[in-house]
Amino acid sequence: MFTLATTAESFFDGQFAYLSEAGYNIHV
């Protein structure tokens, strides 16, 4: 949960892809 999506884009871009590839199903 983020207040603004820009926070996710700024700090978690790529990291979420890495975790998704590891088998985690991520919802923003």
mmCIF file of all heavy atoms, coordinates in Angstrom:
data_MODEL
# 
_entry.id   MODEL 
# 
loop_
_atom_site.group_PDB 
_atom_site.id 
_atom_site.type_symbol 
_atom_site.label_atom_id 
_atom_site.label_alt_id 
_atom_site.label_comp_id 
_atom_site.label_asym_id 
_atom_site.label_entity_id 
_atom_site.label_seq_id 
_atom_site.pdbx_PDB_ins_code 
_atom_site.Cartn_x 
_atom_site.Cartn_y 
_atom_site.Cartn_z 
_atom_site.occupancy 
_atom_site.B_iso_or_equiv 
_atom_site.pdbx_formal_charge 
_atom_site.auth_seq_id 
_atom_site.auth_comp_id 
_atom_site.auth_asym_id 
_atom_site.auth_atom_id 
_atom_site.pdbx_PDB_model_num 
ATOM 1   N N   . MET A 1 1  ? 0.843  -1.198  0.000   1.00 0.00 ? 1  MET A N   1 
ATOM 2   C CA  . MET A 1 1  ? 0.000  0.000   0.000   1.00 0.00 ? 1  MET A CA  1 
ATOM 3   C C   . MET A 1 1  ? 0.874  1.241   0.000   1.00 0.00 ? 1  MET A C   1 
ATOM 4   O O   . MET A 1 1  ? 1.750  1.395   0.856   1.00 0.00 ? 1  MET A O   1 
ATOM 5   C CB  . MET A 1 1  ? -0.904 -0.005  1.241   1.00 0.00 ? 1  MET A CB  1 
ATOM 6   C CG  . MET A 1 1  ? -1.780 1.230   1.394   1.00 0.00 ? 1  MET A CG  1 
ATOM 7   S SD  . MET A 1 1  ? -3.129 1.242   0.219   1.00 0.00 ? 1  MET A SD  1 
ATOM 8   C CE  . MET A 1 1  ? -3.429 2.985   -0.008  1.00 0.00 ? 1  MET A CE  1 
ATOM 9   N N   . PHE A 1 2  ? 0.651  2.113   -0.977  1.00 0.00 ? 2  PHE A N   1 
ATOM 10  C CA  . PHE A 1 2  ? 1.342  3.393   -1.071  1.00 0.00 ? 2  PHE A CA  1 
ATOM 11  C C   . PHE A 1 2  ? 0.299  4.508   -1.112  1.00 0.00 ? 2  PHE A C   1 
ATOM 12  O O   . PHE A 1 2  ? -0.790 4.319   -1.661  1.00 0.00 ? 2  PHE A O   1 
ATOM 13  C CB  . PHE A 1 2  ? 2.176  3.476   -2.352  1.00 0.00 ? 2  PHE A CB  1 
ATOM 14  C CG  . PHE A 1 2  ? 3.254  2.429   -2.455  1.00 0.00 ? 2  PHE A CG  1 
ATOM 15  C CD1 . PHE A 1 2  ? 2.983  1.188   -3.001  1.00 0.00 ? 2  PHE A CD1 1 
ATOM 16  C CD2 . PHE A 1 2  ? 4.537  2.703   -2.022  1.00 0.00 ? 2  PHE A CD2 1 
ATOM 17  C CE1 . PHE A 1 2  ? 3.974  0.224   -3.114  1.00 0.00 ? 2  PHE A CE1 1 
ATOM 18  C CE2 . PHE A 1 2  ? 5.545  1.747   -2.128  1.00 0.00 ? 2  PHE A CE2 1 
ATOM 19  C CZ  . PHE A 1 2  ? 5.260  0.501   -2.671  1.00 0.00 ? 2  PHE A CZ  1 
ATOM 20  N N   . THR A 1 3  ? 0.645  5.671   -0.596  1.00 0.00 ? 3  THR A N   1 
ATOM 21  C CA  . THR A 1 3  ? -0.247 6.814   -0.759  1.00 0.00 ? 3  THR A CA  1 
ATOM 22  C C   . THR A 1 3  ? -0.264 7.223   -2.232  1.00 0.00 ? 3  THR A C   1 
ATOM 23  O O   . THR A 1 3  ? -1.321 7.393   -2.828  1.00 0.00 ? 3  THR A O   1 
ATOM 24  C CB  . THR A 1 3  ? 0.212  7.998   0.113   1.00 0.00 ? 3  THR A CB  1 
ATOM 25  O OG1 . THR A 1 3  ? 0.310  7.556   1.474   1.00 0.00 ? 3  THR A OG1 1 
ATOM 26  C CG2 . THR A 1 3  ? -0.793 9.140   0.032   1.00 0.00 ? 3  THR A CG2 1 
ATOM 27  N N   . LEU A 1 4  ? 0.927  7.364   -2.819  1.00 0.00 ? 4  LEU A N   1 
ATOM 28  C CA  . LEU A 1 4  ? 1.059  7.726   -4.233  1.00 0.00 ? 4  LEU A CA  1 
ATOM 29  C C   . LEU A 1 4  ? 1.853  6.649   -4.959  1.00 0.00 ? 4  LEU A C   1 
ATOM 30  O O   . LEU A 1 4  ? 2.851  6.137   -4.441  1.00 0.00 ? 4  LEU A O   1 
ATOM 31  C CB  . LEU A 1 4  ? 1.773  9.072   -4.381  1.00 0.00 ? 4  LEU A CB  1 
ATOM 32  C CG  . LEU A 1 4  ? 1.121  10.278  -3.689  1.00 0.00 ? 4  LEU A CG  1 
ATOM 33  C CD1 . LEU A 1 4  ? 2.031  11.489  -3.793  1.00 0.00 ? 4  LEU A CD1 1 
ATOM 34  C CD2 . LEU A 1 4  ? -0.240 10.573  -4.278  1.00 0.00 ? 4  LEU A CD2 1 
ATOM 35  N N   . ALA A 1 5  ? 1.435  6.326   -6.171  1.00 0.00 ? 5  ALA A N   1 
ATOM 36  C CA  . ALA A 1 5  ? 2.112  5.280   -6.951  1.00 0.00 ? 5  ALA A CA  1 
ATOM 37  C C   . ALA A 1 5  ? 3.529  5.687   -7.336  1.00 0.00 ? 5  ALA A C   1 
ATOM 38  O O   . ALA A 1 5  ? 4.372  4.816   -7.598  1.00 0.00 ? 5  ALA A O   1 
ATOM 39  C CB  . ALA A 1 5  ? 1.300  4.966   -8.199  1.00 0.00 ? 5  ALA A CB  1 
ATOM 40  N N   . THR A 1 6  ? 3.815  6.978   -7.368  1.00 0.00 ? 6  THR A N   1 
ATOM 41  C CA  . THR A 1 6  ? 5.162  7.423   -7.735  1.00 0.00 ? 6  THR A CA  1 
ATOM 42  C C   . THR A 1 6  ? 6.222  6.897   -6.759  1.00 0.00 ? 6  THR A C   1 
ATOM 43  O O   . THR A 1 6  ? 7.380  6.716   -7.148  1.00 0.00 ? 6  THR A O   1 
ATOM 44  C CB  . THR A 1 6  ? 5.240  8.959   -7.781  1.00 0.00 ? 6  THR A CB  1 
ATOM 45  O OG1 . THR A 1 6  ? 4.686  9.504   -6.569  1.00 0.00 ? 6  THR A OG1 1 
ATOM 46  C CG2 . THR A 1 6  ? 4.484  9.515   -8.977  1.00 0.00 ? 6  THR A CG2 1 
ATOM 47  N N   . THR A 1 7  ? 5.838  6.660   -5.507  1.00 0.00 ? 7  THR A N   1 
ATOM 48  C CA  . THR A 1 7  ? 6.777  6.094   -4.531  1.00 0.00 ? 7  THR A CA  1 
ATOM 49  C C   . THR A 1 7  ? 7.206  4.696   -4.958  1.00 0.00 ? 7  THR A C   1 
ATOM 50  O O   . THR A 1 7  ? 8.388  4.345   -4.911  1.00 0.00 ? 7  THR A O   1 
ATOM 51  C CB  . THR A 1 7  ? 6.150  6.038   -3.128  1.00 0.00 ? 7  THR A CB  1 
ATOM 52  O OG1 . THR A 1 7  ? 5.673  7.333   -2.760  1.00 0.00 ? 7  THR A OG1 1 
ATOM 53  C CG2 . THR A 1 7  ? 7.160  5.558   -2.094  1.00 0.00 ? 7  THR A CG2 1 
ATOM 54  N N   . ALA A 1 8  ? 6.234  3.899   -5.397  1.00 0.00 ? 8  ALA A N   1 
ATOM 55  C CA  . ALA A 1 8  ? 6.538  2.540   -5.879  1.00 0.00 ? 8  ALA A CA  1 
ATOM 56  C C   . ALA A 1 8  ? 7.427  2.599   -7.115  1.00 0.00 ? 8  ALA A C   1 
ATOM 57  O O   . ALA A 1 8  ? 8.390  1.837   -7.239  1.00 0.00 ? 8  ALA A O   1 
ATOM 58  C CB  . ALA A 1 8  ? 5.245  1.796   -6.183  1.00 0.00 ? 8  ALA A CB  1 
ATOM 59  N N   . GLU A 1 9  ? 7.120  3.515   -8.018  1.00 0.00 ? 9  GLU A N   1 
ATOM 60  C CA  . GLU A 1 9  ? 7.894  3.633   -9.260  1.00 0.00 ? 9  GLU A CA  1 
ATOM 61  C C   . GLU A 1 9  ? 9.326  4.099   -8.991  1.00 0.00 ? 9  GLU A C   1 
ATOM 62  O O   . GLU A 1 9  ? 10.266 3.653   -9.644  1.00 0.00 ? 9  GLU A O   1 
ATOM 63  C CB  . GLU A 1 9  ? 7.202  4.598   -10.215 1.00 0.00 ? 9  GLU A CB  1 
ATOM 64  C CG  . GLU A 1 9  ? 5.855  4.094   -10.732 1.00 0.00 ? 9  GLU A CG  1 
ATOM 65  C CD  . GLU A 1 9  ? 5.122  5.123   -11.563 1.00 0.00 ? 9  GLU A CD  1 
ATOM 66  O OE1 . GLU A 1 9  ? 5.000  6.278   -11.120 1.00 0.00 ? 9  GLU A OE1 1 
ATOM 67  O OE2 . GLU A 1 9  ? 4.681  4.769   -12.659 1.00 0.00 ? 9  GLU A OE2 1 
ATOM 68  N N   . SER A 1 10 ? 9.481  4.990   -8.030  1.00 0.00 ? 10 SER A N   1 
ATOM 69  C CA  . SER A 1 10 ? 10.798 5.564   -7.744  1.00 0.00 ? 10 SER A CA  1 
ATOM 70  C C   . SER A 1 10 ? 11.722 4.592   -7.020  1.00 0.00 ? 10 SER A C   1 
ATOM 71  O O   . SER A 1 10 ? 12.921 4.544   -7.287  1.00 0.00 ? 10 SER A O   1 
ATOM 72  C CB  . SER A 1 10 ? 10.653 6.841   -6.897  1.00 0.00 ? 10 SER A CB  1 
ATOM 73  O OG  . SER A 1 10 ? 9.938  7.830   -7.601  1.00 0.00 ? 10 SER A OG  1 
ATOM 74  N N   . PHE A 1 11 ? 11.160 3.810   -6.083  1.00 0.00 ? 11 PHE A N   1 
ATOM 75  C CA  . PHE A 1 11 ? 12.012 3.012   -5.205  1.00 0.00 ? 11 PHE A CA  1 
ATOM 76  C C   . PHE A 1 11 ? 11.908 1.497   -5.388  1.00 0.00 ? 11 PHE A C   1 
ATOM 77  O O   . PHE A 1 11 ? 12.761 0.764   -4.885  1.00 0.00 ? 11 PHE A O   1 
ATOM 78  C CB  . PHE A 1 11 ? 11.705 3.347   -3.742  1.00 0.00 ? 11 PHE A CB  1 
ATOM 79  C CG  . PHE A 1 11 ? 12.006 4.779   -3.380  1.00 0.00 ? 11 PHE A CG  1 
ATOM 80  C CD1 . PHE A 1 11 ? 10.982 5.684   -3.158  1.00 0.00 ? 11 PHE A CD1 1 
ATOM 81  C CD2 . PHE A 1 11 ? 13.312 5.224   -3.284  1.00 0.00 ? 11 PHE A CD2 1 
ATOM 82  C CE1 . PHE A 1 11 ? 11.258 7.003   -2.827  1.00 0.00 ? 11 PHE A CE1 1 
ATOM 83  C CE2 . PHE A 1 11 ? 13.599 6.539   -2.959  1.00 0.00 ? 11 PHE A CE2 1 
ATOM 84  C CZ  . PHE A 1 11 ? 12.566 7.433   -2.727  1.00 0.00 ? 11 PHE A CZ  1 
ATOM 85  N N   . PHE A 1 12 ? 10.878 1.010   -6.088  1.00 0.00 ? 12 PHE A N   1 
ATOM 86  C CA  . PHE A 1 12 ? 10.682 -0.438  -6.159  1.00 0.00 ? 12 PHE A CA  1 
ATOM 87  C C   . PHE A 1 12 ? 10.641 -0.984  -7.583  1.00 0.00 ? 12 PHE A C   1 
ATOM 88  O O   . PHE A 1 12 ? 10.352 -2.150  -7.785  1.00 0.00 ? 12 PHE A O   1 
ATOM 89  C CB  . PHE A 1 12 ? 9.405  -0.827  -5.401  1.00 0.00 ? 12 PHE A CB  1 
ATOM 90  C CG  . PHE A 1 12 ? 9.517  -0.574  -3.915  1.00 0.00 ? 12 PHE A CG  1 
ATOM 91  C CD1 . PHE A 1 12 ? 9.151  0.650   -3.376  1.00 0.00 ? 12 PHE A CD1 1 
ATOM 92  C CD2 . PHE A 1 12 ? 10.026 -1.549  -3.071  1.00 0.00 ? 12 PHE A CD2 1 
ATOM 93  C CE1 . PHE A 1 12 ? 9.287  0.898   -2.015  1.00 0.00 ? 12 PHE A CE1 1 
ATOM 94  C CE2 . PHE A 1 12 ? 10.156 -1.312  -1.712  1.00 0.00 ? 12 PHE A CE2 1 
ATOM 95  C CZ  . PHE A 1 12 ? 9.790  -0.090  -1.179  1.00 0.00 ? 12 PHE A CZ  1 
ATOM 96  N N   . ASP A 1 13 ? 10.939 -0.132  -8.542  1.00 0.00 ? 13 ASP A N   1 
ATOM 97  C CA  . ASP A 1 13 ? 10.989 -0.580  -9.931  1.00 0.00 ? 13 ASP A CA  1 
ATOM 98  C C   . ASP A 1 13 ? 12.143 -1.569  -10.085 1.00 0.00 ? 13 ASP A C   1 
ATOM 99  O O   . ASP A 1 13 ? 13.282 -1.261  -9.744  1.00 0.00 ? 13 ASP A O   1 
ATOM 100 C CB  . ASP A 1 13 ? 11.183 0.622   -10.861 1.00 0.00 ? 13 ASP A CB  1 
ATOM 101 C CG  . ASP A 1 13 ? 11.082 0.252   -12.327 1.00 0.00 ? 13 ASP A CG  1 
ATOM 102 O OD1 . ASP A 1 13 ? 10.490 -0.795  -12.639 1.00 0.00 ? 13 ASP A OD1 1 
ATOM 103 O OD2 . ASP A 1 13 ? 11.597 1.016   -13.168 1.00 0.00 ? 13 ASP A OD2 1 
ATOM 104 N N   . GLY A 1 14 ? 11.865 -2.725  -10.586 1.00 0.00 ? 14 GLY A N   1 
ATOM 105 C CA  . GLY A 1 14 ? 12.889 -3.756  -10.717 1.00 0.00 ? 14 GLY A CA  1 
ATOM 106 C C   . GLY A 1 14 ? 12.888 -4.711  -9.542  1.00 0.00 ? 14 GLY A C   1 
ATOM 107 O O   . GLY A 1 14 ? 12.961 -5.932  -9.719  1.00 0.00 ? 14 GLY A O   1 
ATOM 108 N N   . GLN A 1 15 ? 12.787 -4.171  -8.336  1.00 0.00 ? 15 GLN A N   1 
ATOM 109 C CA  . GLN A 1 15 ? 12.730 -5.025  -7.141  1.00 0.00 ? 15 GLN A CA  1 
ATOM 110 C C   . GLN A 1 15 ? 11.477 -5.899  -7.163  1.00 0.00 ? 15 GLN A C   1 
ATOM 111 O O   . GLN A 1 15 ? 11.543 -7.100  -6.843  1.00 0.00 ? 15 GLN A O   1 
ATOM 112 C CB  . GLN A 1 15 ? 12.742 -4.174  -5.873  1.00 0.00 ? 15 GLN A CB  1 
ATOM 113 C CG  . GLN A 1 15 ? 12.720 -4.991  -4.593  1.00 0.00 ? 15 GLN A CG  1 
ATOM 114 C CD  . GLN A 1 15 ? 12.600 -4.151  -3.332  1.00 0.00 ? 15 GLN A CD  1 
ATOM 115 O OE1 . GLN A 1 15 ? 11.923 -4.527  -2.385  1.00 0.00 ? 15 GLN A OE1 1 
ATOM 116 N NE2 . GLN A 1 15 ? 13.266 -3.000  -3.295  1.00 0.00 ? 15 GLN A NE2 1 
ATOM 117 N N   . PHE A 1 16 ? 10.339 -5.301  -7.541  1.00 0.00 ? 16 PHE A N   1 
ATOM 118 C CA  . PHE A 1 16 ? 9.101  -6.080  -7.608  1.00 0.00 ? 16 PHE A CA  1 
ATOM 119 C C   . PHE A 1 16 ? 9.193  -7.157  -8.687  1.00 0.00 ? 16 PHE A C   1 
ATOM 120 O O   . PHE A 1 16 ? 8.670  -8.259  -8.523  1.00 0.00 ? 16 PHE A O   1 
ATOM 121 C CB  . PHE A 1 16 ? 7.905  -5.159  -7.856  1.00 0.00 ? 16 PHE A CB  1 
ATOM 122 C CG  . PHE A 1 16 ? 7.457  -4.391  -6.642  1.00 0.00 ? 16 PHE A CG  1 
ATOM 123 C CD1 . PHE A 1 16 ? 6.634  -3.279  -6.765  1.00 0.00 ? 16 PHE A CD1 1 
ATOM 124 C CD2 . PHE A 1 16 ? 7.836  -4.775  -5.372  1.00 0.00 ? 16 PHE A CD2 1 
ATOM 125 C CE1 . PHE A 1 16 ? 6.211  -2.574  -5.652  1.00 0.00 ? 16 PHE A CE1 1 
ATOM 126 C CE2 . PHE A 1 16 ? 7.419  -4.073  -4.244  1.00 0.00 ? 16 PHE A CE2 1 
ATOM 127 C CZ  . PHE A 1 16 ? 6.602  -2.972  -4.383  1.00 0.00 ? 16 PHE A CZ  1 
ATOM 128 N N   . ALA A 1 17 ? 9.873  -6.847  -9.786  1.00 0.00 ? 17 ALA A N   1 
ATOM 129 C CA  . ALA A 1 17 ? 10.072 -7.844  -10.849 1.00 0.00 ? 17 ALA A CA  1 
ATOM 130 C C   . ALA A 1 17 ? 10.907 -9.006  -10.326 1.00 0.00 ? 17 ALA A C   1 
ATOM 131 O O   . ALA A 1 17 ? 10.624 -10.185 -10.607 1.00 0.00 ? 17 ALA A O   1 
ATOM 132 C CB  . ALA A 1 17 ? 10.740 -7.203  -12.057 1.00 0.00 ? 17 ALA A CB  1 
ATOM 133 N N   . TYR A 1 18 ? 11.940 -8.679  -9.573  1.00 0.00 ? 18 TYR A N   1 
ATOM 134 C CA  . TYR A 1 18 ? 12.820 -9.694  -8.976  1.00 0.00 ? 18 TYR A CA  1 
ATOM 135 C C   . TYR A 1 18 ? 12.031 -10.606 -8.035  1.00 0.00 ? 18 TYR A C   1 
ATOM 136 O O   . TYR A 1 18 ? 12.175 -11.840 -8.067  1.00 0.00 ? 18 TYR A O   1 
ATOM 137 C CB  . TYR A 1 18 ? 13.947 -8.988  -8.228  1.00 0.00 ? 18 TYR A CB  1 
ATOM 138 C CG  . TYR A 1 18 ? 14.857 -9.894  -7.435  1.00 0.00 ? 18 TYR A CG  1 
ATOM 139 C CD1 . TYR A 1 18 ? 15.922 -10.553 -8.048  1.00 0.00 ? 18 TYR A CD1 1 
ATOM 140 C CD2 . TYR A 1 18 ? 14.670 -10.069 -6.070  1.00 0.00 ? 18 TYR A CD2 1 
ATOM 141 C CE1 . TYR A 1 18 ? 16.773 -11.379 -7.316  1.00 0.00 ? 18 TYR A CE1 1 
ATOM 142 C CE2 . TYR A 1 18 ? 15.498 -10.891 -5.332  1.00 0.00 ? 18 TYR A CE2 1 
ATOM 143 C CZ  . TYR A 1 18 ? 16.556 -11.541 -5.960  1.00 0.00 ? 18 TYR A CZ  1 
ATOM 144 O OH  . TYR A 1 18 ? 17.392 -12.364 -5.226  1.00 0.00 ? 18 TYR A OH  1 
ATOM 145 N N   . LEU A 1 19 ? 11.173 -10.013 -7.213  1.00 0.00 ? 19 LEU A N   1 
ATOM 146 C CA  . LEU A 1 19 ? 10.369 -10.800 -6.275  1.00 0.00 ? 19 LEU A CA  1 
ATOM 147 C C   . LEU A 1 19 ? 9.292  -11.606 -7.004  1.00 0.00 ? 19 LEU A C   1 
ATOM 148 O O   . LEU A 1 19 ? 8.971  -12.726 -6.605  1.00 0.00 ? 19 LEU A O   1 
ATOM 149 C CB  . LEU A 1 19 ? 9.730  -9.874  -5.232  1.00 0.00 ? 19 LEU A CB  1 
ATOM 150 C CG  . LEU A 1 19 ? 10.721 -9.199  -4.269  1.00 0.00 ? 19 LEU A CG  1 
ATOM 151 C CD1 . LEU A 1 19 ? 10.031 -8.101  -3.463  1.00 0.00 ? 19 LEU A CD1 1 
ATOM 152 C CD2 . LEU A 1 19 ? 11.357 -10.220 -3.336  1.00 0.00 ? 19 LEU A CD2 1 
ATOM 153 N N   . SER A 1 20 ? 8.758  -11.026 -8.069  1.00 0.00 ? 20 SER A N   1 
ATOM 154 C CA  . SER A 1 20 ? 7.757  -11.752 -8.870  1.00 0.00 ? 20 SER A CA  1 
ATOM 155 C C   . SER A 1 20 ? 8.376  -12.994 -9.515  1.00 0.00 ? 20 SER A C   1 
ATOM 156 O O   . SER A 1 20 ? 7.776  -14.072 -9.524  1.00 0.00 ? 20 SER A O   1 
ATOM 157 C CB  . SER A 1 20 ? 7.175  -10.835 -9.954  1.00 0.00 ? 20 SER A CB  1 
ATOM 158 O OG  . SER A 1 20 ? 6.461  -9.761  -9.387  1.00 0.00 ? 20 SER A OG  1 
ATOM 159 N N   . GLU A 1 21 ? 9.590  -12.828 -10.021 1.00 0.00 ? 21 GLU A N   1 
ATOM 160 C CA  . GLU A 1 21 ? 10.296 -13.954 -10.621 1.00 0.00 ? 21 GLU A CA  1 
ATOM 161 C C   . GLU A 1 21 ? 10.606 -15.040 -9.592  1.00 0.00 ? 21 GLU A C   1 
ATOM 162 O O   . GLU A 1 21 ? 10.724 -16.225 -9.929  1.00 0.00 ? 21 GLU A O   1 
ATOM 163 C CB  . GLU A 1 21 ? 11.590 -13.471 -11.277 1.00 0.00 ? 21 GLU A CB  1 
ATOM 164 C CG  . GLU A 1 21 ? 11.365 -12.675 -12.556 1.00 0.00 ? 21 GLU A CG  1 
ATOM 165 C CD  . GLU A 1 21 ? 12.650 -12.084 -13.106 1.00 0.00 ? 21 GLU A CD  1 
ATOM 166 O OE1 . GLU A 1 21 ? 13.732 -12.404 -12.561 1.00 0.00 ? 21 GLU A OE1 1 
ATOM 167 O OE2 . GLU A 1 21 ? 12.570 -11.298 -14.069 1.00 0.00 ? 21 GLU A OE2 1 
ATOM 168 N N   . ALA A 1 22 ? 10.723 -14.616 -8.323  1.00 0.00 ? 22 ALA A N   1 
ATOM 169 C CA  . ALA A 1 22 ? 11.005 -15.567 -7.251  1.00 0.00 ? 22 ALA A CA  1 
ATOM 170 C C   . ALA A 1 22 ? 9.742  -16.289 -6.775  1.00 0.00 ? 22 ALA A C   1 
ATOM 171 O O   . ALA A 1 22 ? 9.811  -17.138 -5.894  1.00 0.00 ? 22 ALA A O   1 
ATOM 172 C CB  . ALA A 1 22 ? 11.657 -14.846 -6.076  1.00 0.00 ? 22 ALA A CB  1 
ATOM 173 N N   . GLY A 1 23 ? 8.592  -15.925 -7.368  1.00 0.00 ? 23 GLY A N   1 
ATOM 174 C CA  . GLY A 1 23 ? 7.355  -16.632 -7.049  1.00 0.00 ? 23 GLY A CA  1 
ATOM 175 C C   . GLY A 1 23 ? 6.338  -15.850 -6.248  1.00 0.00 ? 23 GLY A C   1 
ATOM 176 O O   . GLY A 1 23 ? 5.252  -16.359 -5.951  1.00 0.00 ? 23 GLY A O   1 
ATOM 177 N N   . TYR A 1 24 ? 6.661  -14.609 -5.902  1.00 0.00 ? 24 TYR A N   1 
ATOM 178 C CA  . TYR A 1 24 ? 5.716  -13.796 -5.124  1.00 0.00 ? 24 TYR A CA  1 
ATOM 179 C C   . TYR A 1 24 ? 4.722  -13.096 -6.059  1.00 0.00 ? 24 TYR A C   1 
ATOM 180 O O   . TYR A 1 24 ? 5.108  -12.554 -7.092  1.00 0.00 ? 24 TYR A O   1 
ATOM 181 C CB  . TYR A 1 24 ? 6.457  -12.764 -4.276  1.00 0.00 ? 24 TYR A CB  1 
ATOM 182 C CG  . TYR A 1 24 ? 7.151  -13.388 -3.077  1.00 0.00 ? 24 TYR A CG  1 
ATOM 183 C CD1 . TYR A 1 24 ? 8.500  -13.724 -3.129  1.00 0.00 ? 24 TYR A CD1 1 
ATOM 184 C CD2 . TYR A 1 24 ? 6.445  -13.669 -1.918  1.00 0.00 ? 24 TYR A CD2 1 
ATOM 185 C CE1 . TYR A 1 24 ? 9.130  -14.316 -2.051  1.00 0.00 ? 24 TYR A CE1 1 
ATOM 186 C CE2 . TYR A 1 24 ? 7.068  -14.258 -0.831  1.00 0.00 ? 24 TYR A CE2 1 
ATOM 187 C CZ  . TYR A 1 24 ? 8.408  -14.581 -0.899  1.00 0.00 ? 24 TYR A CZ  1 
ATOM 188 O OH  . TYR A 1 24 ? 9.026  -15.170 0.170   1.00 0.00 ? 24 TYR A OH  1 
ATOM 189 N N   . ASN A 1 25 ? 3.461  -13.113 -5.671  1.00 0.00 ? 25 ASN A N   1 
ATOM 190 C CA  . ASN A 1 25 ? 2.393  -12.453 -6.428  1.00 0.00 ? 25 ASN A CA  1 
ATOM 191 C C   . ASN A 1 25 ? 2.136  -11.104 -5.771  1.00 0.00 ? 25 ASN A C   1 
ATOM 192 O O   . ASN A 1 25 ? 1.514  -11.025 -4.708  1.00 0.00 ? 25 ASN A O   1 
ATOM 193 C CB  . ASN A 1 25 ? 1.140  -13.325 -6.409  1.00 0.00 ? 25 ASN A CB  1 
ATOM 194 C CG  . ASN A 1 25 ? 0.021  -12.743 -7.247  1.00 0.00 ? 25 ASN A CG  1 
ATOM 195 O OD1 . ASN A 1 25 ? 0.237  -11.815 -8.025  1.00 0.00 ? 25 ASN A OD1 1 
ATOM 196 N ND2 . ASN A 1 25 ? -1.181 -13.262 -7.080  1.00 0.00 ? 25 ASN A ND2 1 
ATOM 197 N N   . ILE A 1 26 ? 2.611  -10.037 -6.399  1.00 0.00 ? 26 ILE A N   1 
ATOM 198 C CA  . ILE A 1 26 ? 2.597  -8.707  -5.769  1.00 0.00 ? 26 ILE A CA  1 
ATOM 199 C C   . ILE A 1 26 ? 1.474  -7.845  -6.316  1.00 0.00 ? 26 ILE A C   1 
ATOM 200 O O   . ILE A 1 26 ? 1.293  -7.715  -7.530  1.00 0.00 ? 26 ILE A O   1 
ATOM 201 C CB  . ILE A 1 26 ? 3.958  -8.013  -5.964  1.00 0.00 ? 26 ILE A CB  1 
ATOM 202 C CG1 . ILE A 1 26 ? 5.045  -8.819  -5.241  1.00 0.00 ? 26 ILE A CG1 1 
ATOM 203 C CG2 . ILE A 1 26 ? 3.923  -6.577  -5.449  1.00 0.00 ? 26 ILE A CG2 1 
ATOM 204 C CD1 . ILE A 1 26 ? 6.435  -8.284  -5.445  1.00 0.00 ? 26 ILE A CD1 1 
ATOM 205 N N   . HIS A 1 27 ? 0.724  -7.233  -5.387  1.00 0.00 ? 27 HIS A N   1 
ATOM 206 C CA  . HIS A 1 27 ? -0.335 -6.294  -5.723  1.00 0.00 ? 27 HIS A CA  1 
ATOM 207 C C   . HIS A 1 27 ? 0.063  -4.917  -5.181  1.00 0.00 ? 27 HIS A C   1 
ATOM 208 O O   . HIS A 1 27 ? 0.487  -4.798  -4.035  1.00 0.00 ? 27 HIS A O   1 
ATOM 209 C CB  . HIS A 1 27 ? -1.664 -6.717  -5.089  1.00 0.00 ? 27 HIS A CB  1 
ATOM 210 C CG  . HIS A 1 27 ? -2.204 -7.998  -5.642  1.00 0.00 ? 27 HIS A CG  1 
ATOM 211 N ND1 . HIS A 1 27 ? -3.408 -8.057  -6.327  1.00 0.00 ? 27 HIS A ND1 1 
ATOM 212 C CD2 . HIS A 1 27 ? -1.722 -9.272  -5.612  1.00 0.00 ? 27 HIS A CD2 1 
ATOM 213 C CE1 . HIS A 1 27 ? -3.641 -9.309  -6.691  1.00 0.00 ? 27 HIS A CE1 1 
ATOM 214 N NE2 . HIS A 1 27 ? -2.625 -10.061 -6.272  1.00 0.00 ? 27 HIS A NE2 1 
ATOM 215 N N   . VAL A 1 28 ? -0.057 -3.901  -6.001  1.00 0.00 ? 28 VAL A N   1 
ATOM 216 C CA  . VAL A 1 28 ? 0.232  -2.526  -5.593  1.00 0.00 ? 28 VAL A CA  1 
ATOM 217 C C   . VAL A 1 28 ? -1.083 -1.774  -5.440  1.00 0.00 ? 28 VAL A C   1 
ATOM 218 O O   . VAL A 1 28 ? -1.918 -1.766  -6.347  1.00 0.00 ? 28 VAL A O   1 
ATOM 219 C CB  . VAL A 1 28 ? 1.134  -1.812  -6.620  1.00 0.00 ? 28 VAL A CB  1 
ATOM 220 C CG1 . VAL A 1 28 ? 1.257  -0.323  -6.291  1.00 0.00 ? 28 VAL A CG1 1 
ATOM 221 C CG2 . VAL A 1 28 ? 2.511  -2.458  -6.657  1.00 0.00 ? 28 VAL A CG2 1 
# 
